[in-house]
Amino acid sequence: TFIRFLQRHKAYSINNILGLSIGMAAAVLVFLWILDELSFDSFHENYDHIYRIVTTMDNPEGDIHLTATAAPLAEAFEESFPEIIETARFRPHYIEMLVAQGEQEFIEKEVAFADEEFFHLFTHSFLLGSDLDPFPDINSAVITEEFSQKYFGEKNPLGKTLKLNDETSISISGVIENLPANSHLHFGLLINFELIEEFGWSLDWENLSHNAYALLREDADLVALKTQIDTLTSELYSHGTYEFHLQALPEVHLRSSFD
């Protein structure tokens, strides 16, 4: 009966079947897109206990909300609050960097700086090297598998050097798997944070230019911790311009109004 109906009403049947197929395909694509958006950063083992330290600056024309903080703040939080297990700083370079290996040179955008604790908070699989000692010395750097292929091909890159902006030499101390697309942190070359001042970035208390993350204990009381943070902030910044908050990692991608 169905086949006879199709034969008698070809245009009507084709229109219905095509419309249904397009609708189902669109629904599947929308579902996959939503699933990807909601899964940002969820591949990290500590996903539910990682928080980004963010800043609200008091301004006469309206508060300014920043994802960045001062470089020394993360360590001050870790030392002052037992609820915080560990902290790590992460600073994208933002400006394009000239990276050279021998005669080959590339202009790279995905260059960043991080503390070695970065690999304690965030889950990245090491193909070479170890997350226990990602930066053996100040001039160490970790690269992704894609970055390694680009500069060293099939050769083992450990111990090999790269020249940055024709000035600074770094040694490759680790290679990690390529980062998933659904991560809010992107880099191909991750340099030891201790080297950051050589690239002109200040580490003083008033320079709010660095991202910082904290790993909290499972039983941490966020309300009580926020009160302690406000108390410490008033001691560190007597001018009262800054207020610091803890933003849960699941909130970073979809529910962040911070610049």
C-alpha atoms as a PDB file:
ATOM      1  CA  THR A   1       0.000   0.000   0.000  1.00  0.00           C
ATOM      2  CA  PHE A   2       2.816   2.376   0.892  1.00  0.00           C
ATOM      3  CA  ILE A   3       4.670   1.679  -2.369  1.00  0.00           C
ATOM      4  CA  ARG A   4       1.499   2.248  -4.420  1.00  0.00           C
ATOM      5  CA  PHE A   5       0.910   5.530  -2.564  1.00  0.00           C
ATOM      6  CA  LEU A   6       4.483   6.660  -3.380  1.00  0.00           C
ATOM      7  CA  GLN A   7       3.955   5.813  -7.049  1.00  0.00           C
ATOM      8  CA  ARG A   8       0.712   7.746  -7.273  1.00  0.00           C
ATOM      9  CA  HIS A   9       1.889  10.798  -5.294  1.00  0.00           C
ATOM     10  CA  LYS A  10       5.577  11.086  -6.175  1.00  0.00           C
ATOM     11  CA  ALA A  11       5.998  14.844  -5.652  1.00  0.00           C
ATOM     12  CA  TYR A  12       4.077  14.834  -2.365  1.00  0.00           C
ATOM     13  CA  SER A  13       5.985  11.793  -1.061  1.00  0.00           C
ATOM     14  CA  ILE A  14       9.412  13.103  -2.068  1.00  0.00           C
ATOM     15  CA  ASN A  15       8.639  16.440  -0.430  1.00  0.00           C
ATOM     16  CA  ASN A  16       7.596  14.768   2.837  1.00  0.00           C
ATOM     17  CA  ILE A  17      10.523  12.333   2.948  1.00  0.00           C
ATOM     18  CA  LEU A  18      13.052  15.034   2.066  1.00  0.00           C
ATOM     19  CA  GLY A  19      11.631  17.419   4.660  1.00  0.00           C
ATOM     20  CA  LEU A  20      11.665  14.736   7.349  1.00  0.00           C
ATOM     21  CA  SER A  21      15.265  13.773   6.473  1.00  0.00           C
ATOM     22  CA  ILE A  22      16.486  17.366   6.603  1.00  0.00           C
ATOM     23  CA  GLY A  23      14.654  17.951   9.875  1.00  0.00           C
ATOM     24  CA  MET A  24      16.165  14.840  11.497  1.00  0.00           C
ATOM     25  CA  ALA A  25      19.655  15.696  10.229  1.00  0.00           C
ATOM     26  CA  ALA A  26      19.339  19.252  11.556  1.00  0.00           C
ATOM     27  CA  ALA A  27      18.132  17.969  14.922  1.00  0.00           C
ATOM     28  CA  VAL A  28      21.125  15.622  15.204  1.00  0.00           C
ATOM     29  CA  LEU A  29      23.575  18.401  14.278  1.00  0.00           C
ATOM     30  CA  VAL A  30      22.021  20.796  16.795  1.00  0.00           C
ATOM     31  CA  PHE A  31      22.169  18.090  19.464  1.00  0.00           C
ATOM     32  CA  LEU A  32      25.863  17.401  18.745  1.00  0.00           C
ATOM     33  CA  TRP A  33      26.655  21.134  18.840  1.00  0.00           C
ATOM     34  CA  ILE A  34      24.870  21.578  22.174  1.00  0.00           C
ATOM     35  CA  LEU A  35      26.609  18.489  23.569  1.00  0.00           C
ATOM     36  CA  ASP A  36      29.988  19.916  22.537  1.00  0.00           C
ATOM     37  CA  GLU A  37      29.232  23.328  24.069  1.00  0.00           C
ATOM     38  CA  LEU A  38      28.136  21.780  27.371  1.00  0.00           C
ATOM     39  CA  SER A  39      31.184  19.508  27.534  1.00  0.00           C
ATOM     40  CA  PHE A  40      33.820  22.273  27.447  1.00  0.00           C
ATOM     41  CA  ASP A  41      36.781  21.429  29.714  1.00  0.00           C
ATOM     42  CA  SER A  42      34.993  18.366  31.128  1.00  0.00           C
ATOM     43  CA  PHE A  43      37.885  16.091  30.084  1.00  0.00           C
ATOM     44  CA  HIS A  44      39.932  17.341  33.044  1.00  0.00           C
ATOM     45  CA  GLU A  45      39.901  14.896  35.964  1.00  0.00           C
ATOM     46  CA  ASN A  46      39.486  17.753  38.467  1.00  0.00           C
ATOM     47  CA  TYR A  47      36.764  19.425  36.387  1.00  0.00           C
ATOM     48  CA  ASP A  48      34.298  19.860  39.273  1.00  0.00           C
ATOM     49  CA  HIS A  49      36.876  21.286  41.694  1.00  0.00           C
ATOM     50  CA  ILE A  50      38.828  23.760  39.538  1.00  0.00           C
ATOM     51  CA  TYR A  51      38.035  27.459  39.830  1.00  0.00           C
ATOM     52  CA  ARG A  52      39.334  30.462  37.935  1.00  0.00           C
ATOM     53  CA  ILE A  53      40.266  33.490  40.017  1.00  0.00           C
ATOM     54  CA  VAL A  54      38.559  36.501  38.424  1.00  0.00           C
ATOM     55  CA  THR A  55      38.562  40.207  39.218  1.00  0.00           C
ATOM     56  CA  THR A  56      35.999  42.971  39.521  1.00  0.00           C
ATOM     57  CA  MET A  57      37.511  46.469  39.350  1.00  0.00           C
ATOM     58  CA  ASP A  58      35.628  49.382  40.893  1.00  0.00           C
ATOM     59  CA  ASN A  59      35.200  52.070  38.264  1.00  0.00           C
ATOM     60  CA  PRO A  60      33.138  55.313  38.371  1.00  0.00           C
ATOM     61  CA  GLU A  61      31.731  54.527  34.919  1.00  0.00           C
ATOM     62  CA  GLY A  62      30.772  50.986  35.881  1.00  0.00           C
ATOM     63  CA  ASP A  63      32.531  47.920  37.243  1.00  0.00           C
ATOM     64  CA  ILE A  64      35.087  46.210  35.015  1.00  0.00           C
ATOM     65  CA  HIS A  65      35.115  42.404  35.077  1.00  0.00           C
ATOM     66  CA  LEU A  66      38.391  40.676  34.201  1.00  0.00           C
ATOM     67  CA  THR A  67      39.510  37.078  33.913  1.00  0.00           C
ATOM     68  CA  ALA A  68      43.020  38.222  34.845  1.00  0.00           C
ATOM     69  CA  THR A  69      44.637  38.820  38.223  1.00  0.00           C
ATOM     70  CA  ALA A  70      48.018  39.895  39.579  1.00  0.00           C
ATOM     71  CA  ALA A  71      50.786  37.309  39.288  1.00  0.00           C
ATOM     72  CA  PRO A  72      51.489  36.972  43.064  1.00  0.00           C
ATOM     73  CA  LEU A  73      47.806  36.543  43.978  1.00  0.00           C
ATOM     74  CA  ALA A  74      47.532  32.803  43.278  1.00  0.00           C
ATOM     75  CA  GLU A  75      50.377  31.964  45.645  1.00  0.00           C
ATOM     76  CA  ALA A  76      48.893  34.267  48.311  1.00  0.00           C
ATOM     77  CA  PHE A  77      45.565  32.424  48.035  1.00  0.00           C
ATOM     78  CA  GLU A  78      47.242  29.024  48.302  1.00  0.00           C
ATOM     79  CA  GLU A  79      49.232  30.041  51.360  1.00  0.00           C
ATOM     80  CA  SER A  80      46.297  31.723  53.111  1.00  0.00           C
ATOM     81  CA  PHE A  81      43.411  29.322  52.555  1.00  0.00           C
ATOM     82  CA  PRO A  82      43.623  25.615  53.467  1.00  0.00           C
ATOM     83  CA  GLU A  83      40.551  25.000  51.260  1.00  0.00           C
ATOM     84  CA  ILE A  84      42.807  25.572  48.249  1.00  0.00           C
ATOM     85  CA  ILE A  85      44.969  22.547  47.484  1.00  0.00           C
ATOM     86  CA  GLU A  86      47.020  24.103  44.711  1.00  0.00           C
ATOM     87  CA  THR A  87      47.072  27.032  42.297  1.00  0.00           C
ATOM     88  CA  ALA A  88      48.549  27.621  38.862  1.00  0.00           C
ATOM     89  CA  ARG A  89      49.017  30.625  36.608  1.00  0.00           C
ATOM     90  CA  PHE A  90      48.472  30.670  32.852  1.00  0.00           C
ATOM     91  CA  ARG A  91      49.302  33.574  30.552  1.00  0.00           C
ATOM     92  CA  PRO A  92      48.699  33.521  26.781  1.00  0.00           C
ATOM     93  CA  HIS A  93      51.316  35.562  24.971  1.00  0.00           C
ATOM     94  CA  TYR A  94      48.580  37.209  22.833  1.00  0.00           C
ATOM     95  CA  ILE A  95      51.158  38.803  20.544  1.00  0.00           C
ATOM     96  CA  GLU A  96      52.431  36.743  17.613  1.00  0.00           C
ATOM     97  CA  MET A  97      55.863  35.260  18.284  1.00  0.00           C
ATOM     98  CA  LEU A  98      58.645  34.317  15.896  1.00  0.00           C
ATOM     99  CA  VAL A  99      59.712  30.736  16.631  1.00  0.00           C
ATOM    100  CA  ALA A 100      62.751  29.245  14.913  1.00  0.00           C
ATOM    101  CA  GLN A 101      64.298  25.793  14.808  1.00  0.00           C
ATOM    102  CA  GLY A 102      67.483  25.862  12.794  1.00  0.00           C
ATOM    103  CA  GLU A 103      66.727  27.463   9.437  1.00  0.00           C
ATOM    104  CA  GLN A 104      62.950  27.119   9.607  1.00  0.00           C
ATOM    105  CA  GLU A 105      60.909  29.921  11.136  1.00  0.00           C
ATOM    106  CA  PHE A 106      57.204  30.319  11.850  1.00  0.00           C
ATOM    107  CA  ILE A 107      54.994  33.044  13.260  1.00  0.00           C
ATOM    108  CA  GLU A 108      53.082  31.399  16.098  1.00  0.00           C
ATOM    109  CA  LYS A 109      49.908  32.587  17.818  1.00  0.00           C
ATOM    110  CA  GLU A 110      49.286  29.794  20.324  1.00  0.00           C
ATOM    111  CA  VAL A 111      52.156  30.462  22.714  1.00  0.00           C
ATOM    112  CA  ALA A 112      51.554  30.679  26.463  1.00  0.00           C
ATOM    113  CA  PHE A 113      53.291  30.606  29.845  1.00  0.00           C
ATOM    114  CA  ALA A 114      52.315  28.435  32.816  1.00  0.00           C
ATOM    115  CA  ASP A 115      53.493  27.196  36.186  1.00  0.00           C
ATOM    116  CA  GLU A 116      54.454  23.533  36.479  1.00  0.00           C
ATOM    117  CA  GLU A 117      51.399  23.147  38.761  1.00  0.00           C
ATOM    118  CA  PHE A 118      49.286  23.760  35.654  1.00  0.00           C
ATOM    119  CA  PHE A 119      49.692  20.075  34.824  1.00  0.00           C
ATOM    120  CA  HIS A 120      48.593  19.093  38.333  1.00  0.00           C
ATOM    121  CA  LEU A 121      45.297  20.941  37.962  1.00  0.00           C
ATOM    122  CA  PHE A 122      44.552  20.241  34.307  1.00  0.00           C
ATOM    123  CA  THR A 123      44.675  16.813  32.680  1.00  0.00           C
ATOM    124  CA  HIS A 124      47.054  16.549  29.721  1.00  0.00           C
ATOM    125  CA  SER A 125      48.515  13.238  28.587  1.00  0.00           C
ATOM    126  CA  PHE A 126      52.290  13.292  28.185  1.00  0.00           C
ATOM    127  CA  LEU A 127      53.656  11.376  25.203  1.00  0.00           C
ATOM    128  CA  LEU A 128      57.223  12.320  26.145  1.00  0.00           C
ATOM    129  CA  GLY A 129      58.432  13.785  29.415  1.00  0.00           C
ATOM    130  CA  SER A 130      56.373  13.823  32.599  1.00  0.00           C
ATOM    131  CA  ASP A 131      53.787  15.993  34.347  1.00  0.00           C
ATOM    132  CA  LEU A 132      55.744  15.396  37.559  1.00  0.00           C
ATOM    133  CA  ASP A 133      58.582  17.558  36.259  1.00  0.00           C
ATOM    134  CA  PRO A 134      57.353  19.411  33.151  1.00  0.00           C
ATOM    135  CA  PHE A 135      59.839  22.293  33.482  1.00  0.00           C
ATOM    136  CA  PRO A 136      63.221  21.010  34.746  1.00  0.00           C
ATOM    137  CA  ASP A 137      64.738  24.484  34.420  1.00  0.00           C
ATOM    138  CA  ILE A 138      63.673  28.056  33.749  1.00  0.00           C
ATOM    139  CA  ASN A 139      64.168  27.759  29.971  1.00  0.00           C
ATOM    140  CA  SER A 140      62.006  24.654  29.589  1.00  0.00           C
ATOM    141  CA  ALA A 141      58.870  24.320  27.476  1.00  0.00           C
ATOM    142  CA  VAL A 142      56.210  21.717  26.735  1.00  0.00           C
ATOM    143  CA  ILE A 143      54.772  21.377  23.235  1.00  0.00           C
ATOM    144  CA  THR A 144      51.808  19.584  21.702  1.00  0.00           C
ATOM    145  CA  GLU A 145      52.168  16.628  19.343  1.00  0.00           C
ATOM    146  CA  GLU A 146      51.135  18.825  16.393  1.00  0.00           C
ATOM    147  CA  PHE A 147      53.746  21.436  17.311  1.00  0.00           C
ATOM    148  CA  SER A 148      56.374  18.707  17.608  1.00  0.00           C
ATOM    149  CA  GLN A 149      55.574  17.337  14.153  1.00  0.00           C
ATOM    150  CA  LYS A 150      55.746  20.816  12.681  1.00  0.00           C
ATOM    151  CA  TYR A 151      59.237  21.590  13.984  1.00  0.00           C
ATOM    152  CA  PHE A 152      60.905  18.204  14.490  1.00  0.00           C
ATOM    153  CA  GLY A 153      59.033  15.736  12.286  1.00  0.00           C
ATOM    154  CA  GLU A 154      59.476  12.174  13.543  1.00  0.00           C
ATOM    155  CA  LYS A 155      62.564  13.030  15.604  1.00  0.00           C
ATOM    156  CA  ASN A 156      62.513  12.982  19.389  1.00  0.00           C
ATOM    157  CA  PRO A 157      62.249  16.678  20.361  1.00  0.00           C
ATOM    158  CA  LEU A 158      63.293  16.276  23.999  1.00  0.00           C
ATOM    159  CA  GLY A 159      66.354  18.402  24.700  1.00  0.00           C
ATOM    160  CA  LYS A 160      66.082  20.167  21.342  1.00  0.00           C
ATOM    161  CA  THR A 161      66.039  23.969  21.349  1.00  0.00           C
ATOM    162  CA  LEU A 162      63.800  26.622  19.823  1.00  0.00           C
ATOM    163  CA  LYS A 163      64.676  30.292  19.407  1.00  0.00           C
ATOM    164  CA  LEU A 164      61.975  32.795  20.346  1.00  0.00           C
ATOM    165  CA  ASN A 165      61.929  36.249  18.714  1.00  0.00           C
ATOM    166  CA  ASP A 166      65.603  35.801  17.769  1.00  0.00           C
ATOM    167  CA  GLU A 167      66.538  36.304  21.418  1.00  0.00           C
ATOM    168  CA  THR A 168      65.517  33.610  23.901  1.00  0.00           C
ATOM    169  CA  SER A 169      66.377  29.921  23.580  1.00  0.00           C
ATOM    170  CA  ILE A 170      64.180  27.292  25.188  1.00  0.00           C
ATOM    171  CA  SER A 171      64.631  23.547  25.580  1.00  0.00           C
ATOM    172  CA  ILE A 172      61.807  21.080  24.916  1.00  0.00           C
ATOM    173  CA  SER A 173      61.112  19.068  28.064  1.00  0.00           C
ATOM    174  CA  GLY A 174      57.810  17.404  27.184  1.00  0.00           C
ATOM    175  CA  VAL A 175      55.308  16.562  24.464  1.00  0.00           C
ATOM    176  CA  ILE A 176      51.601  16.232  25.193  1.00  0.00           C
ATOM    177  CA  GLU A 177      48.630  15.053  23.153  1.00  0.00           C
ATOM    178  CA  ASN A 178      46.924  17.719  21.058  1.00  0.00           C
ATOM    179  CA  LEU A 179      44.409  19.731  23.035  1.00  0.00           C
ATOM    180  CA  PRO A 180      40.705  18.995  22.482  1.00  0.00           C
ATOM    181  CA  ALA A 181      38.800  21.687  20.621  1.00  0.00           C
ATOM    182  CA  ASN A 182      36.346  22.007  23.511  1.00  0.00           C
ATOM    183  CA  SER A 183      38.871  23.592  25.864  1.00  0.00           C
ATOM    184  CA  HIS A 184      38.964  27.279  26.785  1.00  0.00           C
ATOM    185  CA  LEU A 185      42.761  27.083  27.171  1.00  0.00           C
ATOM    186  CA  HIS A 186      44.680  26.771  23.914  1.00  0.00           C
ATOM    187  CA  PHE A 187      48.400  26.548  23.230  1.00  0.00           C
ATOM    188  CA  GLY A 188      50.881  24.723  21.045  1.00  0.00           C
ATOM    189  CA  LEU A 189      53.945  25.905  22.961  1.00  0.00           C
ATOM    190  CA  LEU A 190      53.779  26.247  26.750  1.00  0.00           C
ATOM    191  CA  ILE A 191      56.760  28.000  28.321  1.00  0.00           C
ATOM    192  CA  ASN A 192      57.868  27.957  31.949  1.00  0.00           C
ATOM    193  CA  PHE A 193      56.103  30.878  33.675  1.00  0.00           C
ATOM    194  CA  GLU A 194      59.369  31.826  35.417  1.00  0.00           C
ATOM    195  CA  LEU A 195      60.646  33.055  32.055  1.00  0.00           C
ATOM    196  CA  ILE A 196      57.772  35.469  31.473  1.00  0.00           C
ATOM    197  CA  GLU A 197      59.560  38.636  32.632  1.00  0.00           C
ATOM    198  CA  GLU A 198      62.062  38.241  29.785  1.00  0.00           C
ATOM    199  CA  PHE A 199      59.150  38.937  27.426  1.00  0.00           C
ATOM    200  CA  GLY A 200      58.215  42.199  29.101  1.00  0.00           C
ATOM    201  CA  TRP A 201      55.388  41.049  31.382  1.00  0.00           C
ATOM    202  CA  SER A 202      55.440  42.547  34.862  1.00  0.00           C
ATOM    203  CA  LEU A 203      54.764  40.396  37.933  1.00  0.00           C
ATOM    204  CA  ASP A 204      53.866  43.167  40.376  1.00  0.00           C
ATOM    205  CA  TRP A 205      50.683  43.350  42.458  1.00  0.00           C
ATOM    206  CA  GLU A 206      49.027  46.056  40.354  1.00  0.00           C
ATOM    207  CA  ASN A 207      49.516  44.415  36.971  1.00  0.00           C
ATOM    208  CA  LEU A 208      46.355  42.364  36.428  1.00  0.00           C
ATOM    209  CA  SER A 209      47.414  40.467  33.311  1.00  0.00           C
ATOM    210  CA  HIS A 210      47.627  36.814  34.314  1.00  0.00           C
ATOM    211  CA  ASN A 211      45.027  34.072  34.550  1.00  0.00           C
ATOM    212  CA  ALA A 212      45.078  32.020  37.750  1.00  0.00           C
ATOM    213  CA  TYR A 213      43.315  28.806  38.706  1.00  0.00           C
ATOM    214  CA  ALA A 214      42.751  27.086  42.029  1.00  0.00           C
ATOM    215  CA  LEU A 215      42.050  23.467  42.884  1.00  0.00           C
ATOM    216  CA  LEU A 216      39.717  23.290  45.880  1.00  0.00           C
ATOM    217  CA  ARG A 217      39.078  20.569  48.391  1.00  0.00           C
ATOM    218  CA  GLU A 218      35.835  18.661  47.829  1.00  0.00           C
ATOM    219  CA  ASP A 219      34.438  19.851  51.172  1.00  0.00           C
ATOM    220  CA  ALA A 220      35.338  23.533  50.644  1.00  0.00           C
ATOM    221  CA  ASP A 221      32.702  26.010  51.816  1.00  0.00           C
ATOM    222  CA  LEU A 222      32.587  28.556  48.988  1.00  0.00           C
ATOM    223  CA  VAL A 223      30.581  31.122  50.932  1.00  0.00           C
ATOM    224  CA  ALA A 224      32.988  31.099  53.879  1.00  0.00           C
ATOM    225  CA  LEU A 225      35.962  31.093  51.515  1.00  0.00           C
ATOM    226  CA  LYS A 226      34.643  34.192  49.693  1.00  0.00           C
ATOM    227  CA  THR A 227      34.507  36.022  53.034  1.00  0.00           C
ATOM    228  CA  GLN A 228      38.119  35.066  53.718  1.00  0.00           C
ATOM    229  CA  ILE A 229      39.120  36.212  50.222  1.00  0.00           C
ATOM    230  CA  ASP A 230      37.518  39.618  50.796  1.00  0.00           C
ATOM    231  CA  THR A 231      39.403  39.969  54.086  1.00  0.00           C
ATOM    232  CA  LEU A 232      42.733  39.099  52.468  1.00  0.00           C
ATOM    233  CA  THR A 233      41.994  41.429  49.553  1.00  0.00           C
ATOM    234  CA  SER A 234      41.494  44.382  51.905  1.00  0.00           C
ATOM    235  CA  GLU A 235      44.888  43.617  53.435  1.00  0.00           C
ATOM    236  CA  LEU A 236      46.646  43.310  50.079  1.00  0.00           C
ATOM    237  CA  TYR A 237      44.929  46.260  48.389  1.00  0.00           C
ATOM    238  CA  SER A 238      44.154  49.081  50.798  1.00  0.00           C
ATOM    239  CA  HIS A 239      42.777  51.231  47.941  1.00  0.00           C
ATOM    240  CA  GLY A 240      39.767  48.898  47.735  1.00  0.00           C
ATOM    241  CA  THR A 241      39.664  48.911  43.929  1.00  0.00           C
ATOM    242  CA  TYR A 242      39.673  45.149  43.412  1.00  0.00           C
ATOM    243  CA  GLU A 243      37.350  42.344  44.403  1.00  0.00           C
ATOM    244  CA  PHE A 244      38.247  38.735  43.619  1.00  0.00           C
ATOM    245  CA  HIS A 245      35.882  35.833  42.978  1.00  0.00           C
ATOM    246  CA  LEU A 246      36.155  32.117  42.305  1.00  0.00           C
ATOM    247  CA  GLN A 247      34.502  31.102  39.049  1.00  0.00           C
ATOM    248  CA  ALA A 248      33.799  27.371  38.654  1.00  0.00           C
ATOM    249  CA  LEU A 249      35.392  25.805  35.579  1.00  0.00           C
ATOM    250  CA  PRO A 250      32.002  24.585  34.215  1.00  0.00           C
ATOM    251  CA  GLU A 251      30.874  28.247  34.185  1.00  0.00           C
ATOM    252  CA  VAL A 252      33.823  29.584  32.191  1.00  0.00           C
ATOM    253  CA  HIS A 253      32.741  28.840  28.608  1.00  0.00           C
ATOM    254  CA  LEU A 254      29.009  29.511  28.562  1.00  0.00           C
ATOM    255  CA  ARG A 255      28.281  31.614  31.623  1.00  0.00           C
ATOM    256  CA  SER A 256      31.103  34.139  31.793  1.00  0.00           C
ATOM    257  CA  SER A 257      30.635  37.885  31.482  1.00  0.00           C
ATOM    258  CA  PHE A 258      34.281  38.566  32.278  1.00  0.00           C
ATOM    259  CA  ASP A 259      36.516  40.239  29.693  1.00  0.00           C
END
